[in-house]
């Protein structure tokens, strides 16, 4: 697979001699869905801010599609990476939904006719096409977050960072956004990076970047990460319920395969009963 983002020995802190990130290295491939997890203060959101160019590391190297990012081309990060923050209120800049989606396009001087098509396409994808004339005061939290996502998608980034974007949402809206992340990866071939405390969401990722005390503790498949009980506890995280259940059943019957997939677990149990 083609590499799209590389962090090589990145170090950064907000205060001198107090590093938040310590020799952080990882590689993300084009079209992958990556979840970054870890306890509060481990450096997850700092990684996202460095990714989009809001912060510059003390040392280390960032590559975007094999191109080393430096002082002269830092704009490439902002042009290719979009970010959705936790609070959609912080990203709403227009008087209406339509104005908000158009804001970035206007700054890029997109032709008005093309702009209308882009707005129509992204609002339809997000199922907010009937909200275009409404102001933010008329929207729910989930709708505001969809508008924020639509505004980013309209700009056409290759990579989208969701920085705890579901943390303030109700369960229904949270599931809609999580399903959207999967759709953006599978149907639109976007590279998705989600910073999350939601272990159910993380279990559906291609890989999990496990951060602990500013360092990469592991970078592997969700099953490999969550099966390591010691690492999960050390990072103050919890195993997803399905994996807990399947591992407990595996202790009773070794033929039950530990899994993160509920359908796979049910099938496994049914097949064992038939034997």
C-alpha atoms as a PDB file:
ATOM      1  CA  UNK A   1       0.000   0.000   0.000  1.00  0.00           C
ATOM      2  CA  UNK A   2       1.091   3.567  -0.693  1.00  0.00           C
ATOM      3  CA  UNK A   3       2.309   5.581   2.303  1.00  0.00           C
ATOM      4  CA  UNK A   4       0.434   8.839   2.784  1.00  0.00           C
ATOM      5  CA  UNK A   5       1.619  10.068   6.225  1.00  0.00           C
ATOM      6  CA  UNK A   6       4.883   9.415   8.033  1.00  0.00           C
ATOM      7  CA  UNK A   7       5.937  10.686  11.441  1.00  0.00           C
ATOM      8  CA  UNK A   8       9.644  10.071  12.079  1.00  0.00           C
ATOM      9  CA  UNK A   9      10.919  10.710  15.629  1.00  0.00           C
ATOM     10  CA  UNK A  10       8.587  13.658  16.277  1.00  0.00           C
ATOM     11  CA  UNK A  11       9.193  15.560  19.511  1.00  0.00           C
ATOM     12  CA  UNK A  12       7.021  18.395  20.775  1.00  0.00           C
ATOM     13  CA  UNK A  13       5.926  20.160  23.946  1.00  0.00           C
ATOM     14  CA  UNK A  14       3.980  23.273  24.880  1.00  0.00           C
ATOM     15  CA  UNK A  15       6.619  24.324  27.410  1.00  0.00           C
ATOM     16  CA  UNK A  16      10.398  24.180  27.173  1.00  0.00           C
ATOM     17  CA  UNK A  17      11.882  20.958  28.595  1.00  0.00           C
ATOM     18  CA  UNK A  18       8.379  19.467  29.057  1.00  0.00           C
ATOM     19  CA  UNK A  19       7.843  17.238  26.010  1.00  0.00           C
ATOM     20  CA  UNK A  20       4.346  15.969  25.245  1.00  0.00           C
ATOM     21  CA  UNK A  21       5.392  13.801  22.289  1.00  0.00           C
ATOM     22  CA  UNK A  22       8.617  11.802  22.591  1.00  0.00           C
ATOM     23  CA  UNK A  23      10.188  10.237  19.490  1.00  0.00           C
ATOM     24  CA  UNK A  24       6.774   9.474  17.972  1.00  0.00           C
ATOM     25  CA  UNK A  25       7.053   7.455  14.752  1.00  0.00           C
ATOM     26  CA  UNK A  26       4.328   5.808  12.672  1.00  0.00           C
ATOM     27  CA  UNK A  27       3.260   5.336   9.050  1.00  0.00           C
ATOM     28  CA  UNK A  28      -0.298   5.539   7.704  1.00  0.00           C
ATOM     29  CA  UNK A  29      -1.149   4.154   4.281  1.00  0.00           C
ATOM     30  CA  UNK A  30      -3.481   5.715   1.731  1.00  0.00           C
ATOM     31  CA  UNK A  31      -7.102   4.717   2.358  1.00  0.00           C
ATOM     32  CA  UNK A  32      -6.585   3.356   5.877  1.00  0.00           C
ATOM     33  CA  UNK A  33      -8.864   3.971   8.855  1.00  0.00           C
ATOM     34  CA  UNK A  34      -6.702   4.586  11.917  1.00  0.00           C
ATOM     35  CA  UNK A  35      -7.858   5.212  15.483  1.00  0.00           C
ATOM     36  CA  UNK A  36      -5.537   6.949  17.935  1.00  0.00           C
ATOM     37  CA  UNK A  37      -6.339   5.978  21.519  1.00  0.00           C
ATOM     38  CA  UNK A  38      -4.876   6.533  24.975  1.00  0.00           C
ATOM     39  CA  UNK A  39      -5.654   8.192  28.289  1.00  0.00           C
ATOM     40  CA  UNK A  40      -6.040  11.958  28.654  1.00  0.00           C
ATOM     41  CA  UNK A  41      -2.778  13.852  28.254  1.00  0.00           C
ATOM     42  CA  UNK A  42      -1.006  11.140  26.258  1.00  0.00           C
ATOM     43  CA  UNK A  43      -0.598  13.370  23.186  1.00  0.00           C
ATOM     44  CA  UNK A  44      -3.471  12.264  20.920  1.00  0.00           C
ATOM     45  CA  UNK A  45      -4.848  15.717  20.088  1.00  0.00           C
ATOM     46  CA  UNK A  46      -1.335  17.151  19.862  1.00  0.00           C
ATOM     47  CA  UNK A  47      -0.667  14.684  17.038  1.00  0.00           C
ATOM     48  CA  UNK A  48      -3.757  15.959  15.188  1.00  0.00           C
ATOM     49  CA  UNK A  49      -2.684  19.595  15.553  1.00  0.00           C
ATOM     50  CA  UNK A  50       0.782  18.787  14.191  1.00  0.00           C
ATOM     51  CA  UNK A  51      -0.808  16.824  11.348  1.00  0.00           C
ATOM     52  CA  UNK A  52      -2.822  19.803  10.134  1.00  0.00           C
ATOM     53  CA  UNK A  53      -0.013  22.299  10.620  1.00  0.00           C
ATOM     54  CA  UNK A  54      -1.370  24.167  13.648  1.00  0.00           C
ATOM     55  CA  UNK A  55       1.722  23.172  15.629  1.00  0.00           C
ATOM     56  CA  UNK A  56       5.275  22.615  14.455  1.00  0.00           C
ATOM     57  CA  UNK A  57       7.365  19.901  16.110  1.00  0.00           C
ATOM     58  CA  UNK A  58      10.572  20.638  17.988  1.00  0.00           C
ATOM     59  CA  UNK A  59      12.347  17.986  15.975  1.00  0.00           C
ATOM     60  CA  UNK A  60      11.698  15.056  13.688  1.00  0.00           C
ATOM     61  CA  UNK A  61      10.376  14.666  10.181  1.00  0.00           C
ATOM     62  CA  UNK A  62       6.870  14.629   8.682  1.00  0.00           C
ATOM     63  CA  UNK A  63       6.240  13.220   5.212  1.00  0.00           C
ATOM     64  CA  UNK A  64       3.062  13.614   3.179  1.00  0.00           C
ATOM     65  CA  UNK A  65       2.921  11.184   0.237  1.00  0.00           C
ATOM     66  CA  UNK A  66       6.725  10.717   0.460  1.00  0.00           C
ATOM     67  CA  UNK A  67       7.324  14.483   0.406  1.00  0.00           C
ATOM     68  CA  UNK A  68       9.208  15.899   3.380  1.00  0.00           C
ATOM     69  CA  UNK A  69       7.302  18.786   4.965  1.00  0.00           C
ATOM     70  CA  UNK A  70       9.406  21.873   5.615  1.00  0.00           C
ATOM     71  CA  UNK A  71       9.043  25.615   6.100  1.00  0.00           C
ATOM     72  CA  UNK A  72       8.428  26.248   2.402  1.00  0.00           C
ATOM     73  CA  UNK A  73       5.666  23.671   1.859  1.00  0.00           C
ATOM     74  CA  UNK A  74       3.815  23.549   5.185  1.00  0.00           C
ATOM     75  CA  UNK A  75       0.694  24.603   3.272  1.00  0.00           C
ATOM     76  CA  UNK A  76       0.495  21.057   1.841  1.00  0.00           C
ATOM     77  CA  UNK A  77      -0.731  19.773   5.218  1.00  0.00           C
ATOM     78  CA  UNK A  78      -3.632  22.239   5.307  1.00  0.00           C
ATOM     79  CA  UNK A  79      -4.473  21.613   1.642  1.00  0.00           C
ATOM     80  CA  UNK A  80      -4.621  17.829   1.968  1.00  0.00           C
ATOM     81  CA  UNK A  81      -5.821  17.268   5.532  1.00  0.00           C
ATOM     82  CA  UNK A  82      -9.154  18.364   7.015  1.00  0.00           C
ATOM     83  CA  UNK A  83     -10.048  18.178  10.695  1.00  0.00           C
ATOM     84  CA  UNK A  84     -13.337  17.828  12.574  1.00  0.00           C
ATOM     85  CA  UNK A  85     -13.117  18.962  16.202  1.00  0.00           C
ATOM     86  CA  UNK A  86     -15.097  17.834  19.241  1.00  0.00           C
ATOM     87  CA  UNK A  87     -17.317  20.915  19.466  1.00  0.00           C
ATOM     88  CA  UNK A  88     -19.030  21.783  16.140  1.00  0.00           C
ATOM     89  CA  UNK A  89     -19.820  25.259  17.494  1.00  0.00           C
ATOM     90  CA  UNK A  90     -16.134  26.080  17.060  1.00  0.00           C
ATOM     91  CA  UNK A  91     -16.287  25.397  13.320  1.00  0.00           C
ATOM     92  CA  UNK A  92     -19.582  27.076  12.373  1.00  0.00           C
ATOM     93  CA  UNK A  93     -18.757  30.386  10.655  1.00  0.00           C
ATOM     94  CA  UNK A  94     -21.723  30.997   8.306  1.00  0.00           C
ATOM     95  CA  UNK A  95     -25.157  32.481   8.958  1.00  0.00           C
ATOM     96  CA  UNK A  96     -26.749  29.386   7.385  1.00  0.00           C
ATOM     97  CA  UNK A  97     -25.716  25.796   6.669  1.00  0.00           C
ATOM     98  CA  UNK A  98     -25.222  26.680   3.006  1.00  0.00           C
ATOM     99  CA  UNK A  99     -23.042  29.686   3.899  1.00  0.00           C
ATOM    100  CA  UNK A 100     -20.942  27.552   6.195  1.00  0.00           C
ATOM    101  CA  UNK A 101     -20.236  24.893   3.557  1.00  0.00           C
ATOM    102  CA  UNK A 102     -19.517  27.627   0.988  1.00  0.00           C
ATOM    103  CA  UNK A 103     -17.045  29.502   3.221  1.00  0.00           C
ATOM    104  CA  UNK A 104     -13.943  27.469   2.389  1.00  0.00           C
ATOM    105  CA  UNK A 105     -14.894  27.199  -1.274  1.00  0.00           C
ATOM    106  CA  UNK A 106     -15.228  30.970  -1.545  1.00  0.00           C
ATOM    107  CA  UNK A 107     -11.766  31.385  -0.030  1.00  0.00           C
ATOM    108  CA  UNK A 108     -10.436  29.060  -2.738  1.00  0.00           C
ATOM    109  CA  UNK A 109     -12.275  31.175  -5.351  1.00  0.00           C
ATOM    110  CA  UNK A 110     -14.234  28.216  -6.696  1.00  0.00           C
ATOM    111  CA  UNK A 111     -16.551  29.054  -9.600  1.00  0.00           C
ATOM    112  CA  UNK A 112     -20.108  29.731  -8.268  1.00  0.00           C
ATOM    113  CA  UNK A 113     -21.707  27.075 -10.497  1.00  0.00           C
ATOM    114  CA  UNK A 114     -19.188  24.439  -9.401  1.00  0.00           C
ATOM    115  CA  UNK A 115     -19.659  25.590  -5.811  1.00  0.00           C
ATOM    116  CA  UNK A 116     -23.403  24.947  -5.957  1.00  0.00           C
ATOM    117  CA  UNK A 117     -22.790  21.427  -7.249  1.00  0.00           C
ATOM    118  CA  UNK A 118     -20.243  20.677  -4.521  1.00  0.00           C
ATOM    119  CA  UNK A 119     -22.593  21.971  -1.811  1.00  0.00           C
ATOM    120  CA  UNK A 120     -25.464  19.898  -3.224  1.00  0.00           C
ATOM    121  CA  UNK A 121     -23.305  16.750  -3.376  1.00  0.00           C
ATOM    122  CA  UNK A 122     -21.837  16.939   0.138  1.00  0.00           C
ATOM    123  CA  UNK A 123     -25.137  17.990   1.753  1.00  0.00           C
ATOM    124  CA  UNK A 124     -26.859  15.021   0.100  1.00  0.00           C
ATOM    125  CA  UNK A 125     -24.110  12.663   1.301  1.00  0.00           C
ATOM    126  CA  UNK A 126     -24.499  13.970   4.863  1.00  0.00           C
ATOM    127  CA  UNK A 127     -28.325  13.984   4.566  1.00  0.00           C
ATOM    128  CA  UNK A 128     -28.486  17.688   5.433  1.00  0.00           C
ATOM    129  CA  UNK A 129     -29.758  18.934   2.055  1.00  0.00           C
ATOM    130  CA  UNK A 130     -33.052  20.017   3.665  1.00  0.00           C
ATOM    131  CA  UNK A 131     -31.185  22.105   6.252  1.00  0.00           C
ATOM    132  CA  UNK A 132     -29.234  24.361   3.871  1.00  0.00           C
ATOM    133  CA  UNK A 133     -31.253  27.526   4.579  1.00  0.00           C
ATOM    134  CA  UNK A 134     -31.285  27.066   8.367  1.00  0.00           C
ATOM    135  CA  UNK A 135     -29.054  28.859  10.851  1.00  0.00           C
ATOM    136  CA  UNK A 136     -26.986  27.123  13.566  1.00  0.00           C
ATOM    137  CA  UNK A 137     -29.554  28.009  16.239  1.00  0.00           C
ATOM    138  CA  UNK A 138     -32.047  25.695  14.499  1.00  0.00           C
ATOM    139  CA  UNK A 139     -29.772  22.646  14.454  1.00  0.00           C
ATOM    140  CA  UNK A 140     -29.160  19.798  16.891  1.00  0.00           C
ATOM    141  CA  UNK A 141     -25.631  18.902  18.007  1.00  0.00           C
ATOM    142  CA  UNK A 142     -25.503  15.996  15.560  1.00  0.00           C
ATOM    143  CA  UNK A 143     -26.689  18.189  12.680  1.00  0.00           C
ATOM    144  CA  UNK A 144     -24.060  20.810  13.481  1.00  0.00           C
ATOM    145  CA  UNK A 145     -21.363  18.158  13.415  1.00  0.00           C
ATOM    146  CA  UNK A 146     -22.618  16.953  10.026  1.00  0.00           C
ATOM    147  CA  UNK A 147     -22.397  20.532   8.736  1.00  0.00           C
ATOM    148  CA  UNK A 148     -18.801  20.731  10.004  1.00  0.00           C
ATOM    149  CA  UNK A 149     -18.003  17.476   8.189  1.00  0.00           C
ATOM    150  CA  UNK A 150     -19.724  18.705   5.008  1.00  0.00           C
ATOM    151  CA  UNK A 151     -17.656  21.910   5.124  1.00  0.00           C
ATOM    152  CA  UNK A 152     -14.458  19.841   5.266  1.00  0.00           C
ATOM    153  CA  UNK A 153     -15.560  17.345   2.596  1.00  0.00           C
ATOM    154  CA  UNK A 154     -16.398  20.216   0.231  1.00  0.00           C
ATOM    155  CA  UNK A 155     -12.716  21.148   0.233  1.00  0.00           C
ATOM    156  CA  UNK A 156     -11.793  17.678  -1.073  1.00  0.00           C
ATOM    157  CA  UNK A 157      -9.054  16.631   1.382  1.00  0.00           C
ATOM    158  CA  UNK A 158      -7.352  13.260   0.949  1.00  0.00           C
ATOM    159  CA  UNK A 159      -7.150  12.797   4.717  1.00  0.00           C
ATOM    160  CA  UNK A 160      -9.778  13.613   7.349  1.00  0.00           C
ATOM    161  CA  UNK A 161      -8.971  13.806  11.056  1.00  0.00           C
ATOM    162  CA  UNK A 162     -11.835  13.349  13.519  1.00  0.00           C
ATOM    163  CA  UNK A 163     -10.568  14.760  16.829  1.00  0.00           C
ATOM    164  CA  UNK A 164     -13.014  13.224  19.337  1.00  0.00           C
ATOM    165  CA  UNK A 165     -15.750  14.325  16.944  1.00  0.00           C
ATOM    166  CA  UNK A 166     -18.419  12.088  18.515  1.00  0.00           C
ATOM    167  CA  UNK A 167     -17.662  12.874  22.181  1.00  0.00           C
ATOM    168  CA  UNK A 168     -20.455  15.472  22.623  1.00  0.00           C
ATOM    169  CA  UNK A 169     -23.132  13.694  20.592  1.00  0.00           C
ATOM    170  CA  UNK A 170     -26.160  11.616  21.575  1.00  0.00           C
ATOM    171  CA  UNK A 171     -25.998   7.835  20.813  1.00  0.00           C
ATOM    172  CA  UNK A 172     -27.959   8.113  17.534  1.00  0.00           C
ATOM    173  CA  UNK A 173     -25.800  10.933  16.144  1.00  0.00           C
ATOM    174  CA  UNK A 174     -22.668   9.192  17.394  1.00  0.00           C
ATOM    175  CA  UNK A 175     -23.514   6.029  15.445  1.00  0.00           C
ATOM    176  CA  UNK A 176     -24.301   8.055  12.319  1.00  0.00           C
ATOM    177  CA  UNK A 177     -20.890   9.747  12.409  1.00  0.00           C
ATOM    178  CA  UNK A 178     -19.085   6.441  13.083  1.00  0.00           C
ATOM    179  CA  UNK A 179     -20.874   4.835  10.122  1.00  0.00           C
ATOM    180  CA  UNK A 180     -19.995   7.860   7.995  1.00  0.00           C
ATOM    181  CA  UNK A 181     -16.286   7.393   8.765  1.00  0.00           C
ATOM    182  CA  UNK A 182     -16.488   3.840   7.444  1.00  0.00           C
ATOM    183  CA  UNK A 183     -18.382   4.998   4.358  1.00  0.00           C
ATOM    184  CA  UNK A 184     -15.814   7.710   3.609  1.00  0.00           C
ATOM    185  CA  UNK A 185     -13.055   5.114   3.738  1.00  0.00           C
ATOM    186  CA  UNK A 186     -14.806   2.325   1.865  1.00  0.00           C
ATOM    187  CA  UNK A 187     -16.788   4.241  -0.760  1.00  0.00           C
ATOM    188  CA  UNK A 188     -14.783   7.444  -1.226  1.00  0.00           C
ATOM    189  CA  UNK A 189     -11.287   6.117  -0.441  1.00  0.00           C
ATOM    190  CA  UNK A 190     -10.533   8.771   2.163  1.00  0.00           C
ATOM    191  CA  UNK A 191      -7.818   8.188   4.724  1.00  0.00           C
ATOM    192  CA  UNK A 192      -9.524   8.478   8.107  1.00  0.00           C
ATOM    193  CA  UNK A 193      -7.732   9.261  11.380  1.00  0.00           C
ATOM    194  CA  UNK A 194      -9.979   9.248  14.425  1.00  0.00           C
ATOM    195  CA  UNK A 195      -8.872  10.315  17.887  1.00  0.00           C
ATOM    196  CA  UNK A 196     -11.317   8.640  20.205  1.00  0.00           C
ATOM    197  CA  UNK A 197     -12.173   7.256  23.642  1.00  0.00           C
ATOM    198  CA  UNK A 198     -14.820   5.018  22.064  1.00  0.00           C
ATOM    199  CA  UNK A 199     -13.418   1.481  22.077  1.00  0.00           C
ATOM    200  CA  UNK A 200     -16.339   0.197  19.995  1.00  0.00           C
ATOM    201  CA  UNK A 201     -15.352   2.635  17.260  1.00  0.00           C
ATOM    202  CA  UNK A 202     -11.673   1.728  17.594  1.00  0.00           C
ATOM    203  CA  UNK A 203     -12.516  -1.964  17.180  1.00  0.00           C
ATOM    204  CA  UNK A 204     -13.703  -1.245  13.598  1.00  0.00           C
ATOM    205  CA  UNK A 205     -10.506   0.505  12.502  1.00  0.00           C
ATOM    206  CA  UNK A 206      -7.832  -1.035  10.283  1.00  0.00           C
ATOM    207  CA  UNK A 207      -5.205  -0.248  12.914  1.00  0.00           C
ATOM    208  CA  UNK A 208      -4.984   1.349  16.338  1.00  0.00           C
ATOM    209  CA  UNK A 209      -2.195   3.708  17.376  1.00  0.00           C
ATOM    210  CA  UNK A 210      -1.945   3.227  21.131  1.00  0.00           C
ATOM    211  CA  UNK A 211      -0.369   6.215  22.875  1.00  0.00           C
ATOM    212  CA  UNK A 212       0.912   6.199  26.451  1.00  0.00           C
ATOM    213  CA  UNK A 213       2.787   9.035  28.182  1.00  0.00           C
ATOM    214  CA  UNK A 214       3.629  10.735  24.899  1.00  0.00           C
ATOM    215  CA  UNK A 215       5.034   7.651  23.223  1.00  0.00           C
ATOM    216  CA  UNK A 216       3.749   5.055  20.780  1.00  0.00           C
ATOM    217  CA  UNK A 217       3.101   1.972  22.875  1.00  0.00           C
ATOM    218  CA  UNK A 218       1.772  -0.117  19.992  1.00  0.00           C
ATOM    219  CA  UNK A 219       0.521   0.215  16.432  1.00  0.00           C
ATOM    220  CA  UNK A 220      -1.366  -2.869  15.286  1.00  0.00           C
ATOM    221  CA  UNK A 221      -4.757  -4.346  14.397  1.00  0.00           C
ATOM    222  CA  UNK A 222      -7.587  -3.783  16.913  1.00  0.00           C
ATOM    223  CA  UNK A 223      -7.634  -7.480  17.837  1.00  0.00           C
ATOM    224  CA  UNK A 224      -3.886  -7.561  18.520  1.00  0.00           C
ATOM    225  CA  UNK A 225      -4.111  -4.376  20.604  1.00  0.00           C
ATOM    226  CA  UNK A 226      -7.127  -5.354  22.695  1.00  0.00           C
ATOM    227  CA  UNK A 227      -6.026  -8.939  23.326  1.00  0.00           C
ATOM    228  CA  UNK A 228      -3.013  -7.553  25.195  1.00  0.00           C
ATOM    229  CA  UNK A 229      -4.785  -6.965  28.510  1.00  0.00           C
ATOM    230  CA  UNK A 230      -1.661  -5.557  30.190  1.00  0.00           C
ATOM    231  CA  UNK A 231      -1.115  -2.828  27.602  1.00  0.00           C
ATOM    232  CA  UNK A 232      -4.790  -1.904  27.549  1.00  0.00           C
ATOM    233  CA  UNK A 233      -4.917  -1.518  31.332  1.00  0.00           C
ATOM    234  CA  UNK A 234      -1.615   0.365  31.405  1.00  0.00           C
ATOM    235  CA  UNK A 235      -3.089   2.900  28.976  1.00  0.00           C
ATOM    236  CA  UNK A 236      -6.212   3.241  31.192  1.00  0.00           C
ATOM    237  CA  UNK A 237      -8.458   1.805  28.465  1.00  0.00           C
ATOM    238  CA  UNK A 238     -11.046  -0.949  28.426  1.00  0.00           C
ATOM    239  CA  UNK A 239     -11.595  -3.905  26.116  1.00  0.00           C
ATOM    240  CA  UNK A 240     -14.704  -3.873  23.885  1.00  0.00           C
ATOM    241  CA  UNK A 241     -17.522  -5.991  25.333  1.00  0.00           C
ATOM    242  CA  UNK A 242     -17.598  -8.553  22.478  1.00  0.00           C
ATOM    243  CA  UNK A 243     -13.890  -9.292  22.869  1.00  0.00           C
ATOM    244  CA  UNK A 244     -14.250  -9.608  26.653  1.00  0.00           C
ATOM    245  CA  UNK A 245     -17.128 -12.039  26.187  1.00  0.00           C
ATOM    246  CA  UNK A 246     -15.405 -14.121  23.513  1.00  0.00           C
ATOM    247  CA  UNK A 247     -12.167 -14.325  25.544  1.00  0.00           C
ATOM    248  CA  UNK A 248     -14.127 -15.451  28.616  1.00  0.00           C
ATOM    249  CA  UNK A 249     -15.908 -18.108  26.542  1.00  0.00           C
ATOM    250  CA  UNK A 250     -12.527 -19.130  25.109  1.00  0.00           C
ATOM    251  CA  UNK A 251     -11.342 -19.903  28.651  1.00  0.00           C
ATOM    252  CA  UNK A 252     -14.329 -22.225  29.051  1.00  0.00           C
ATOM    253  CA  UNK A 253     -14.098 -23.707  25.555  1.00  0.00           C
ATOM    254  CA  UNK A 254     -10.834 -23.203  23.575  1.00  0.00           C
ATOM    255  CA  UNK A 255     -12.775 -23.683  20.321  1.00  0.00           C
ATOM    256  CA  UNK A 256     -14.447 -20.292  20.797  1.00  0.00           C
ATOM    257  CA  UNK A 257     -12.244 -17.863  18.878  1.00  0.00           C
ATOM    258  CA  UNK A 258     -11.582 -14.451  20.480  1.00  0.00           C
ATOM    259  CA  UNK A 259     -13.127 -11.814  18.205  1.00  0.00           C
ATOM    260  CA  UNK A 260     -14.314  -8.216  17.999  1.00  0.00           C
ATOM    261  CA  UNK A 261     -17.134  -9.169  15.634  1.00  0.00           C
ATOM    262  CA  UNK A 262     -20.478 -10.053  17.277  1.00  0.00           C
ATOM    263  CA  UNK A 263     -21.777 -11.879  14.183  1.00  0.00           C
ATOM    264  CA  UNK A 264     -18.603 -13.933  14.003  1.00  0.00           C
ATOM    265  CA  UNK A 265     -18.939 -14.873  17.675  1.00  0.00           C
ATOM    266  CA  UNK A 266     -22.584 -15.932  17.263  1.00  0.00           C
ATOM    267  CA  UNK A 267     -21.684 -18.030  14.205  1.00  0.00           C
ATOM    268  CA  UNK A 268     -18.796 -19.632  16.091  1.00  0.00           C
ATOM    269  CA  UNK A 269     -21.091 -20.617  18.992  1.00  0.00           C
ATOM    270  CA  UNK A 270     -23.796 -21.971  16.639  1.00  0.00           C
ATOM    271  CA  UNK A 271     -21.235 -24.019  14.702  1.00  0.00           C
ATOM    272  CA  UNK A 272     -19.893 -25.519  17.947  1.00  0.00           C
ATOM    273  CA  UNK A 273     -23.407 -26.517  19.023  1.00  0.00           C
ATOM    274  CA  UNK A 274     -23.924 -28.312  15.705  1.00  0.00           C
ATOM    275  CA  UNK A 275     -20.830 -30.434  16.231  1.00  0.00           C
END
